[in-house]
Amino acid sequence: MTFPPKTLSLLAVIALGLAVLALFVAVASAARRRPRAQSSSLPIQIDDVLRGILEGHARALQQLESTVRQLASEDARIGERLSHAVQQVALIRYDAFEDVGGRLSFSCALLDERGDGVVVTSISGRQDTRVYAKPVSRGTSDHNLSEEEVLAIREALAGSGPAEAGPREPVEAR
């Protein structure tokens, strides 16, 4: 039976807390039962109750160790999956044409931790809007990139957020 990492963490903490509490109770009860005058000269004798408690704690610690190993394994698996997830994003908005304002055109880079992903560009004109998607590998692309696409990739890799590109020369339909 496999538990989610959150549940395993909670169970581990609860089991550890109960183990510490039981050990405290066992030590306190053993200290009360033992006469003070004999404690300095005689070796400690473990009775059956205390032995059972200690063995129970040993089993609980083994179970906790197993749970921690399982959590570490799950953490490594999740970490590997996350390395391929989109983590770095940058959006550059701009006016692609002189006669169209409002910065409706944009380039958006969506990259993972290695700089792999895609850059999406939307060029808005008066009559139509065109959308382009270009693959990105390690921060570069085999396709020709516009200034805004290069800027979006650079900002995504640098970890900065959305930005606005300054005024630019009009571009012709691509």
C-alpha atoms as a PDB file:
ATOM      1  CA  MET A   1       0.000   0.000   0.000  1.00  0.00           C
ATOM      2  CA  THR A   2       1.422   3.390  -1.008  1.00  0.00           C
ATOM      3  CA  PHE A   3       0.550   6.644   0.752  1.00  0.00           C
ATOM      4  CA  PRO A   4       0.912  10.155  -0.637  1.00  0.00           C
ATOM      5  CA  PRO A   5       4.037  11.977   0.618  1.00  0.00           C
ATOM      6  CA  LYS A   6       1.990  14.359   2.767  1.00  0.00           C
ATOM      7  CA  THR A   7       0.283  11.475   4.579  1.00  0.00           C
ATOM      8  CA  LEU A   8       3.585   9.653   5.071  1.00  0.00           C
ATOM      9  CA  SER A   9       5.168  12.777   6.533  1.00  0.00           C
ATOM     10  CA  LEU A  10       2.274  13.240   8.933  1.00  0.00           C
ATOM     11  CA  LEU A  11       2.381   9.577   9.992  1.00  0.00           C
ATOM     12  CA  ALA A  12       6.136   9.765  10.551  1.00  0.00           C
ATOM     13  CA  VAL A  13       5.813  12.836  12.756  1.00  0.00           C
ATOM     14  CA  ILE A  14       2.945  11.317  14.771  1.00  0.00           C
ATOM     15  CA  ALA A  15       4.793   8.007  15.242  1.00  0.00           C
ATOM     16  CA  LEU A  16       7.946   9.796  16.326  1.00  0.00           C
ATOM     17  CA  GLY A  17       5.988  11.911  18.820  1.00  0.00           C
ATOM     18  CA  LEU A  18       4.252   8.858  20.274  1.00  0.00           C
ATOM     19  CA  ALA A  19       7.570   7.004  20.528  1.00  0.00           C
ATOM     20  CA  VAL A  20       9.174   9.866  22.428  1.00  0.00           C
ATOM     21  CA  LEU A  21       6.149  10.144  24.740  1.00  0.00           C
ATOM     22  CA  ALA A  22       6.125   6.387  25.453  1.00  0.00           C
ATOM     23  CA  LEU A  23       9.868   6.396  26.129  1.00  0.00           C
ATOM     24  CA  PHE A  24       9.464   9.302  28.537  1.00  0.00           C
ATOM     25  CA  VAL A  25       6.649   7.502  30.394  1.00  0.00           C
ATOM     26  CA  ALA A  26       8.689   4.278  30.582  1.00  0.00           C
ATOM     27  CA  VAL A  27      11.769   6.019  31.926  1.00  0.00           C
ATOM     28  CA  ALA A  28       9.720   7.993  34.438  1.00  0.00           C
ATOM     29  CA  SER A  29       7.933   4.871  35.722  1.00  0.00           C
ATOM     30  CA  ALA A  30      11.186   2.898  35.939  1.00  0.00           C
ATOM     31  CA  ALA A  31      12.804   5.753  37.877  1.00  0.00           C
ATOM     32  CA  ARG A  32       9.913   5.773  40.365  1.00  0.00           C
ATOM     33  CA  ARG A  33      10.091   2.018  40.964  1.00  0.00           C
ATOM     34  CA  ARG A  34      13.847   1.825  41.579  1.00  0.00           C
ATOM     35  CA  PRO A  35      15.097   2.631  45.066  1.00  0.00           C
ATOM     36  CA  ARG A  36      17.481   5.595  45.180  1.00  0.00           C
ATOM     37  CA  ALA A  37      20.131   3.967  47.440  1.00  0.00           C
ATOM     38  CA  GLN A  38      20.675   1.038  45.075  1.00  0.00           C
ATOM     39  CA  SER A  39      20.790   3.059  41.847  1.00  0.00           C
ATOM     40  CA  SER A  40      24.428   4.084  42.160  1.00  0.00           C
ATOM     41  CA  SER A  41      25.914   0.646  42.879  1.00  0.00           C
ATOM     42  CA  LEU A  42      23.778  -1.850  40.890  1.00  0.00           C
ATOM     43  CA  PRO A  43      23.482  -2.179  37.113  1.00  0.00           C
ATOM     44  CA  ILE A  44      20.168  -1.225  35.566  1.00  0.00           C
ATOM     45  CA  GLN A  45      17.815  -4.166  35.210  1.00  0.00           C
ATOM     46  CA  ILE A  46      15.257  -4.006  32.407  1.00  0.00           C
ATOM     47  CA  ASP A  47      11.947  -5.596  33.259  1.00  0.00           C
ATOM     48  CA  ASP A  48       9.629  -7.160  30.692  1.00  0.00           C
ATOM     49  CA  VAL A  49       7.422  -4.066  30.350  1.00  0.00           C
ATOM     50  CA  LEU A  50      10.346  -1.770  29.636  1.00  0.00           C
ATOM     51  CA  ARG A  51      11.860  -4.340  27.252  1.00  0.00           C
ATOM     52  CA  GLY A  52       8.546  -4.513  25.347  1.00  0.00           C
ATOM     53  CA  ILE A  53       8.385  -0.718  25.134  1.00  0.00           C
ATOM     54  CA  LEU A  54      11.952  -0.478  23.849  1.00  0.00           C
ATOM     55  CA  GLU A  55      11.367  -3.215  21.283  1.00  0.00           C
ATOM     56  CA  GLY A  56       8.200  -1.412  20.179  1.00  0.00           C
ATOM     57  CA  HIS A  57      10.204   1.781  19.763  1.00  0.00           C
ATOM     58  CA  ALA A  58      12.824  -0.087  17.766  1.00  0.00           C
ATOM     59  CA  ARG A  59      10.110  -1.346  15.414  1.00  0.00           C
ATOM     60  CA  ALA A  60       8.606   2.157  15.177  1.00  0.00           C
ATOM     61  CA  LEU A  61      12.014   3.609  14.341  1.00  0.00           C
ATOM     62  CA  GLN A  62      12.519   0.991  11.616  1.00  0.00           C
ATOM     63  CA  GLN A  63       9.121   1.861  10.191  1.00  0.00           C
ATOM     64  CA  LEU A  64       9.982   5.564  10.326  1.00  0.00           C
ATOM     65  CA  GLU A  65      13.274   4.879   8.567  1.00  0.00           C
ATOM     66  CA  SER A  66      11.412   2.992   5.841  1.00  0.00           C
ATOM     67  CA  THR A  67       8.923   5.858   5.531  1.00  0.00           C
ATOM     68  CA  VAL A  68      11.709   8.421   5.254  1.00  0.00           C
ATOM     69  CA  ARG A  69      13.369   6.354   2.509  1.00  0.00           C
ATOM     70  CA  GLN A  70      10.050   6.167   0.661  1.00  0.00           C
ATOM     71  CA  LEU A  71       9.588   9.943   1.003  1.00  0.00           C
ATOM     72  CA  ALA A  72      13.121  10.593  -0.259  1.00  0.00           C
ATOM     73  CA  SER A  73      12.483   8.358  -3.260  1.00  0.00           C
ATOM     74  CA  GLU A  74       9.194  10.130  -4.011  1.00  0.00           C
ATOM     75  CA  ASP A  75      10.892  13.518  -3.631  1.00  0.00           C
ATOM     76  CA  ALA A  76      13.585  12.523  -6.131  1.00  0.00           C
ATOM     77  CA  ARG A  77      10.947  11.298  -8.595  1.00  0.00           C
ATOM     78  CA  ILE A  78       8.947  14.518  -8.295  1.00  0.00           C
ATOM     79  CA  GLY A  79      12.114  16.598  -8.634  1.00  0.00           C
ATOM     80  CA  GLU A  80      12.967  14.815 -11.880  1.00  0.00           C
ATOM     81  CA  ARG A  81       9.480  15.430 -13.263  1.00  0.00           C
ATOM     82  CA  LEU A  82       9.564  19.097 -12.255  1.00  0.00           C
ATOM     83  CA  SER A  83      12.830  19.675 -14.087  1.00  0.00           C
ATOM     84  CA  HIS A  84      10.866  19.199 -17.323  1.00  0.00           C
ATOM     85  CA  ALA A  85       7.978  21.480 -16.282  1.00  0.00           C
ATOM     86  CA  VAL A  86       7.587  25.092 -17.389  1.00  0.00           C
ATOM     87  CA  GLN A  87       9.403  27.112 -14.731  1.00  0.00           C
ATOM     88  CA  GLN A  88      10.679  30.189 -16.496  1.00  0.00           C
ATOM     89  CA  VAL A  89       8.219  32.518 -18.184  1.00  0.00           C
ATOM     90  CA  ALA A  90       8.598  35.984 -19.680  1.00  0.00           C
ATOM     91  CA  LEU A  91       6.117  38.084 -21.649  1.00  0.00           C
ATOM     92  CA  ILE A  92       7.136  40.970 -23.889  1.00  0.00           C
ATOM     93  CA  ARG A  93       4.343  43.238 -25.165  1.00  0.00           C
ATOM     94  CA  TYR A  94       4.866  45.723 -27.978  1.00  0.00           C
ATOM     95  CA  ASP A  95       3.320  47.564 -30.918  1.00  0.00           C
ATOM     96  CA  ALA A  96       4.241  45.601 -34.028  1.00  0.00           C
ATOM     97  CA  PHE A  97       2.903  48.251 -36.439  1.00  0.00           C
ATOM     98  CA  GLU A  98       2.955  52.036 -36.287  1.00  0.00           C
ATOM     99  CA  ASP A  99      -0.764  52.372 -36.967  1.00  0.00           C
ATOM    100  CA  VAL A 100      -1.824  49.829 -34.321  1.00  0.00           C
ATOM    101  CA  GLY A 101      -1.421  50.891 -30.697  1.00  0.00           C
ATOM    102  CA  GLY A 102      -2.204  49.365 -27.348  1.00  0.00           C
ATOM    103  CA  ARG A 103       0.751  46.983 -27.291  1.00  0.00           C
ATOM    104  CA  LEU A 104      -1.462  44.131 -28.469  1.00  0.00           C
ATOM    105  CA  SER A 105       1.396  42.136 -30.001  1.00  0.00           C
ATOM    106  CA  PHE A 106       3.460  39.937 -27.704  1.00  0.00           C
ATOM    107  CA  SER A 107       6.175  37.309 -27.450  1.00  0.00           C
ATOM    108  CA  CYS A 108       6.017  34.853 -24.586  1.00  0.00           C
ATOM    109  CA  ALA A 109       8.795  32.403 -23.662  1.00  0.00           C
ATOM    110  CA  LEU A 110       7.794  29.251 -21.723  1.00  0.00           C
ATOM    111  CA  LEU A 111      10.917  27.338 -20.657  1.00  0.00           C
ATOM    112  CA  ASP A 112      11.960  24.560 -18.273  1.00  0.00           C
ATOM    113  CA  GLU A 113      15.020  24.725 -16.012  1.00  0.00           C
ATOM    114  CA  ARG A 114      17.373  23.794 -18.898  1.00  0.00           C
ATOM    115  CA  GLY A 115      16.014  26.532 -21.170  1.00  0.00           C
ATOM    116  CA  ASP A 116      13.997  24.122 -23.341  1.00  0.00           C
ATOM    117  CA  GLY A 117      10.453  24.983 -24.357  1.00  0.00           C
ATOM    118  CA  VAL A 118       8.695  27.307 -26.751  1.00  0.00           C
ATOM    119  CA  VAL A 119       8.410  30.975 -27.592  1.00  0.00           C
ATOM    120  CA  VAL A 120       4.958  32.067 -28.797  1.00  0.00           C
ATOM    121  CA  THR A 121       4.505  35.317 -30.701  1.00  0.00           C
ATOM    122  CA  SER A 122       1.266  37.043 -31.633  1.00  0.00           C
ATOM    123  CA  ILE A 123       1.443  39.897 -34.155  1.00  0.00           C
ATOM    124  CA  SER A 124      -1.698  42.025 -34.078  1.00  0.00           C
ATOM    125  CA  GLY A 125      -2.552  44.206 -37.060  1.00  0.00           C
ATOM    126  CA  ARG A 126      -5.633  46.171 -38.002  1.00  0.00           C
ATOM    127  CA  GLN A 127      -7.197  43.384 -40.055  1.00  0.00           C
ATOM    128  CA  ASP A 128      -5.753  40.224 -38.566  1.00  0.00           C
ATOM    129  CA  THR A 129      -3.633  38.616 -35.920  1.00  0.00           C
ATOM    130  CA  ARG A 130      -0.976  36.018 -36.624  1.00  0.00           C
ATOM    131  CA  VAL A 131       0.424  33.608 -34.072  1.00  0.00           C
ATOM    132  CA  TYR A 132       3.786  31.853 -34.305  1.00  0.00           C
ATOM    133  CA  ALA A 133       5.301  29.193 -32.052  1.00  0.00           C
ATOM    134  CA  LYS A 134       8.987  28.335 -32.248  1.00  0.00           C
ATOM    135  CA  PRO A 135      10.758  25.583 -30.307  1.00  0.00           C
ATOM    136  CA  VAL A 136      13.557  26.608 -27.959  1.00  0.00           C
ATOM    137  CA  SER A 137      16.400  24.324 -26.922  1.00  0.00           C
ATOM    138  CA  ARG A 138      18.896  25.444 -24.266  1.00  0.00           C
ATOM    139  CA  GLY A 139      17.860  29.075 -24.763  1.00  0.00           C
ATOM    140  CA  THR A 140      18.214  29.147 -28.557  1.00  0.00           C
ATOM    141  CA  SER A 141      16.156  28.140 -31.560  1.00  0.00           C
ATOM    142  CA  ASP A 142      16.929  26.798 -35.022  1.00  0.00           C
ATOM    143  CA  HIS A 143      14.267  29.212 -36.331  1.00  0.00           C
ATOM    144  CA  ASN A 144      14.863  32.898 -36.952  1.00  0.00           C
ATOM    145  CA  LEU A 145      13.885  34.838 -33.839  1.00  0.00           C
ATOM    146  CA  SER A 146      12.668  38.430 -33.662  1.00  0.00           C
ATOM    147  CA  GLU A 147      14.208  40.910 -31.214  1.00  0.00           C
ATOM    148  CA  GLU A 148      11.186  40.491 -28.940  1.00  0.00           C
ATOM    149  CA  GLU A 149      11.445  36.694 -28.991  1.00  0.00           C
ATOM    150  CA  VAL A 150      15.145  36.862 -28.102  1.00  0.00           C
ATOM    151  CA  LEU A 151      14.319  39.334 -25.311  1.00  0.00           C
ATOM    152  CA  ALA A 152      11.519  37.087 -23.977  1.00  0.00           C
ATOM    153  CA  ILE A 153      13.868  34.065 -23.909  1.00  0.00           C
ATOM    154  CA  ARG A 154      16.644  36.091 -22.251  1.00  0.00           C
ATOM    155  CA  GLU A 155      14.285  37.436 -19.564  1.00  0.00           C
ATOM    156  CA  ALA A 156      12.766  34.002 -18.922  1.00  0.00           C
ATOM    157  CA  LEU A 157      16.237  32.514 -18.425  1.00  0.00           C
ATOM    158  CA  ALA A 158      17.169  35.427 -16.145  1.00  0.00           C
ATOM    159  CA  GLY A 159      14.056  34.803 -14.079  1.00  0.00           C
ATOM    160  CA  SER A 160      12.519  38.243 -14.521  1.00  0.00           C
ATOM    161  CA  GLY A 161       8.791  38.567 -15.052  1.00  0.00           C
ATOM    162  CA  PRO A 162       6.625  40.267 -17.671  1.00  0.00           C
ATOM    163  CA  ALA A 163       8.165  43.197 -19.471  1.00  0.00           C
ATOM    164  CA  GLU A 164       7.245  45.787 -22.056  1.00  0.00           C
ATOM    165  CA  ALA A 165       9.433  46.338 -25.063  1.00  0.00           C
ATOM    166  CA  GLY A 166       9.988  49.905 -26.127  1.00  0.00           C
ATOM    167  CA  PRO A 167       8.704  51.368 -29.377  1.00  0.00           C
ATOM    168  CA  ARG A 168      10.001  49.567 -32.415  1.00  0.00           C
ATOM    169  CA  GLU A 169      10.084  49.865 -36.119  1.00  0.00           C
ATOM    170  CA  PRO A 170       7.004  48.630 -37.959  1.00  0.00           C
ATOM    171  CA  VAL A 171       7.317  45.067 -39.213  1.00  0.00           C
ATOM    172  CA  GLU A 172       5.891  43.671 -42.344  1.00  0.00           C
ATOM    173  CA  ALA A 173       3.637  40.613 -42.293  1.00  0.00           C
ATOM    174  CA  ARG A 174       5.788  37.613 -41.545  1.00  0.00           C
END
